[in-house]
């Protein structure tokens, strides 16, 4: 049951941020091109699991992406809003598909698997 809630929550976040993105009438080409950009953080696993998990988790927490979006809205900077929305949509999409924050034990060991 808890996994379903997390998956559904991810879907709602993805849809809500996509809707917000559409309200701003930003380019959908940019959205789709950059949607997977936060996954570049997985290259940090090339250093070791500890560094990889830390960097990946920093790039996959809602806290930073939402703060970036809020800063963009507050200062009326479209590029910053776009980055925050795309980044948040990515995290929502990951949760929707069952990808979560990583443990240092293994790249495939996530918080969602332990629910």
C-alpha atoms as a PDB file:
ATOM      1  CA  UNK A   1       0.000   0.000   0.000  1.00  0.00           C
ATOM      2  CA  UNK A   2       2.768   2.491   0.901  1.00  0.00           C
ATOM      3  CA  UNK A   3       4.529   1.885  -2.406  1.00  0.00           C
ATOM      4  CA  UNK A   4       1.340   2.671  -4.300  1.00  0.00           C
ATOM      5  CA  UNK A   5       0.990   5.925  -2.390  1.00  0.00           C
ATOM      6  CA  UNK A   6       4.560   6.928  -3.303  1.00  0.00           C
ATOM      7  CA  UNK A   7       3.972   5.980  -6.962  1.00  0.00           C
ATOM      8  CA  UNK A   8       0.705   7.920  -7.065  1.00  0.00           C
ATOM      9  CA  UNK A   9       2.314  10.881  -5.317  1.00  0.00           C
ATOM     10  CA  UNK A  10       5.017  10.885  -8.005  1.00  0.00           C
ATOM     11  CA  UNK A  11       2.369  10.864 -10.724  1.00  0.00           C
ATOM     12  CA  UNK A  12       0.579  13.810  -9.114  1.00  0.00           C
ATOM     13  CA  UNK A  13       3.834  15.777  -8.794  1.00  0.00           C
ATOM     14  CA  UNK A  14       4.743  15.023 -12.412  1.00  0.00           C
ATOM     15  CA  UNK A  15       1.307  16.107 -13.670  1.00  0.00           C
ATOM     16  CA  UNK A  16       1.180  19.211 -11.447  1.00  0.00           C
ATOM     17  CA  UNK A  17       4.613  20.440 -12.493  1.00  0.00           C
ATOM     18  CA  UNK A  18       3.868  19.678 -16.144  1.00  0.00           C
ATOM     19  CA  UNK A  19       0.655  21.672 -15.837  1.00  0.00           C
ATOM     20  CA  UNK A  20       2.499  24.577 -14.212  1.00  0.00           C
ATOM     21  CA  UNK A  21       5.064  24.383 -17.017  1.00  0.00           C
ATOM     22  CA  UNK A  22       2.253  24.618 -19.582  1.00  0.00           C
ATOM     23  CA  UNK A  23       0.735  27.651 -17.838  1.00  0.00           C
ATOM     24  CA  UNK A  24       4.021  29.489 -18.337  1.00  0.00           C
ATOM     25  CA  UNK A  25       3.929  28.420 -22.005  1.00  0.00           C
ATOM     26  CA  UNK A  26       7.530  27.260 -21.916  1.00  0.00           C
ATOM     27  CA  UNK A  27       8.961  25.158 -24.743  1.00  0.00           C
ATOM     28  CA  UNK A  28       7.999  21.486 -24.565  1.00  0.00           C
ATOM     29  CA  UNK A  29      11.081  20.640 -26.589  1.00  0.00           C
ATOM     30  CA  UNK A  30      13.233  22.041 -23.778  1.00  0.00           C
ATOM     31  CA  UNK A  31      11.137  20.119 -21.233  1.00  0.00           C
ATOM     32  CA  UNK A  32      11.638  16.752 -22.933  1.00  0.00           C
ATOM     33  CA  UNK A  33      15.307  17.378 -23.779  1.00  0.00           C
ATOM     34  CA  UNK A  34      16.227  18.241 -20.181  1.00  0.00           C
ATOM     35  CA  UNK A  35      13.817  15.959 -18.287  1.00  0.00           C
ATOM     36  CA  UNK A  36      16.473  13.308 -17.653  1.00  0.00           C
ATOM     37  CA  UNK A  37      19.291  15.753 -16.832  1.00  0.00           C
ATOM     38  CA  UNK A  38      19.204  15.051 -13.051  1.00  0.00           C
ATOM     39  CA  UNK A  39      20.114  11.444 -13.845  1.00  0.00           C
ATOM     40  CA  UNK A  40      23.584  12.621 -14.882  1.00  0.00           C
ATOM     41  CA  UNK A  41      24.231  12.575 -11.134  1.00  0.00           C
ATOM     42  CA  UNK A  42      24.491   8.782 -11.328  1.00  0.00           C
ATOM     43  CA  UNK A  43      27.958   9.238 -12.842  1.00  0.00           C
ATOM     44  CA  UNK A  44      29.095  10.108  -9.311  1.00  0.00           C
ATOM     45  CA  UNK A  45      28.863   6.379  -8.624  1.00  0.00           C
ATOM     46  CA  UNK A  46      32.064   6.157 -10.678  1.00  0.00           C
ATOM     47  CA  UNK A  47      33.880   7.555  -7.639  1.00  0.00           C
ATOM     48  CA  UNK A  48      32.326   5.123  -5.129  1.00  0.00           C
ATOM     49  CA  UNK A  49      28.934   4.179  -3.672  1.00  0.00           C
ATOM     50  CA  UNK A  50      29.170   6.698  -0.826  1.00  0.00           C
ATOM     51  CA  UNK A  51      29.809   9.693  -3.083  1.00  0.00           C
ATOM     52  CA  UNK A  52      27.402   8.381  -5.708  1.00  0.00           C
ATOM     53  CA  UNK A  53      24.514   8.016  -3.274  1.00  0.00           C
ATOM     54  CA  UNK A  54      25.116  11.462  -1.748  1.00  0.00           C
ATOM     55  CA  UNK A  55      25.258  13.290  -5.098  1.00  0.00           C
ATOM     56  CA  UNK A  56      22.357  11.305  -6.569  1.00  0.00           C
ATOM     57  CA  UNK A  57      20.168  11.960  -3.523  1.00  0.00           C
ATOM     58  CA  UNK A  58      20.962  15.676  -3.516  1.00  0.00           C
ATOM     59  CA  UNK A  59      19.816  15.810  -7.133  1.00  0.00           C
ATOM     60  CA  UNK A  60      16.700  13.736  -6.419  1.00  0.00           C
ATOM     61  CA  UNK A  61      15.138  15.494  -3.463  1.00  0.00           C
ATOM     62  CA  UNK A  62      12.179  17.805  -3.888  1.00  0.00           C
ATOM     63  CA  UNK A  63      13.669  20.353  -1.483  1.00  0.00           C
ATOM     64  CA  UNK A  64      16.232  21.818  -3.877  1.00  0.00           C
ATOM     65  CA  UNK A  65      14.123  21.689  -7.046  1.00  0.00           C
ATOM     66  CA  UNK A  66      11.110  23.347  -5.420  1.00  0.00           C
ATOM     67  CA  UNK A  67      13.247  26.057  -3.806  1.00  0.00           C
ATOM     68  CA  UNK A  68      14.750  26.778  -7.236  1.00  0.00           C
ATOM     69  CA  UNK A  69      11.272  27.056  -8.770  1.00  0.00           C
ATOM     70  CA  UNK A  70      10.120  29.372  -5.961  1.00  0.00           C
ATOM     71  CA  UNK A  71      13.202  31.578  -6.380  1.00  0.00           C
ATOM     72  CA  UNK A  72      12.459  31.791 -10.104  1.00  0.00           C
ATOM     73  CA  UNK A  73       8.848  32.798  -9.447  1.00  0.00           C
ATOM     74  CA  UNK A  74       9.834  35.333  -6.779  1.00  0.00           C
ATOM     75  CA  UNK A  75      12.444  37.022  -8.960  1.00  0.00           C
ATOM     76  CA  UNK A  76      10.454  36.476 -12.182  1.00  0.00           C
ATOM     77  CA  UNK A  77      13.281  34.635 -13.955  1.00  0.00           C
ATOM     78  CA  UNK A  78      11.758  32.264 -16.504  1.00  0.00           C
ATOM     79  CA  UNK A  79      14.878  30.155 -16.967  1.00  0.00           C
ATOM     80  CA  UNK A  80      15.090  29.471 -13.234  1.00  0.00           C
ATOM     81  CA  UNK A  81      11.368  28.625 -13.083  1.00  0.00           C
ATOM     82  CA  UNK A  82      11.849  26.274 -16.022  1.00  0.00           C
ATOM     83  CA  UNK A  83      14.792  24.521 -14.351  1.00  0.00           C
ATOM     84  CA  UNK A  84      12.884  24.099 -11.087  1.00  0.00           C
ATOM     85  CA  UNK A  85       9.766  22.740 -12.790  1.00  0.00           C
ATOM     86  CA  UNK A  86      11.622  20.328 -15.067  1.00  0.00           C
ATOM     87  CA  UNK A  87      13.748  19.116 -12.174  1.00  0.00           C
ATOM     88  CA  UNK A  88      10.694  18.592  -9.941  1.00  0.00           C
ATOM     89  CA  UNK A  89       8.853  16.827 -12.776  1.00  0.00           C
ATOM     90  CA  UNK A  90      11.824  14.493 -13.155  1.00  0.00           C
ATOM     91  CA  UNK A  91      11.764  13.555  -9.474  1.00  0.00           C
ATOM     92  CA  UNK A  92       8.009  12.976  -9.633  1.00  0.00           C
ATOM     93  CA  UNK A  93       8.471  10.792 -12.704  1.00  0.00           C
ATOM     94  CA  UNK A  94      11.162   8.780 -10.923  1.00  0.00           C
ATOM     95  CA  UNK A  95       8.905   8.194  -7.910  1.00  0.00           C
ATOM     96  CA  UNK A  96       6.030   7.283 -10.221  1.00  0.00           C
ATOM     97  CA  UNK A  97       8.162   4.548 -11.797  1.00  0.00           C
ATOM     98  CA  UNK A  98       9.497   3.353  -8.441  1.00  0.00           C
ATOM     99  CA  UNK A  99      12.941   4.942  -8.434  1.00  0.00           C
ATOM    100  CA  UNK A 100      13.814   6.476  -5.109  1.00  0.00           C
ATOM    101  CA  UNK A 101      16.594   7.888  -3.019  1.00  0.00           C
ATOM    102  CA  UNK A 102      19.631   5.627  -2.968  1.00  0.00           C
ATOM    103  CA  UNK A 103      21.355   3.838  -0.138  1.00  0.00           C
ATOM    104  CA  UNK A 104      25.135   3.497  -0.137  1.00  0.00           C
ATOM    105  CA  UNK A 105      24.884  -0.295  -0.330  1.00  0.00           C
ATOM    106  CA  UNK A 106      23.998  -0.456  -4.031  1.00  0.00           C
ATOM    107  CA  UNK A 107      22.674   1.797  -6.796  1.00  0.00           C
ATOM    108  CA  UNK A 108      19.539  -0.340  -7.064  1.00  0.00           C
ATOM    109  CA  UNK A 109      18.874  -0.198  -3.300  1.00  0.00           C
ATOM    110  CA  UNK A 110      16.281   2.590  -2.839  1.00  0.00           C
ATOM    111  CA  UNK A 111      14.008   3.874  -0.119  1.00  0.00           C
ATOM    112  CA  UNK A 112      10.936   2.800  -2.103  1.00  0.00           C
ATOM    113  CA  UNK A 113      12.056  -0.837  -2.151  1.00  0.00           C
ATOM    114  CA  UNK A 114      12.104  -0.828   1.644  1.00  0.00           C
ATOM    115  CA  UNK A 115       8.472   0.250   1.956  1.00  0.00           C
END
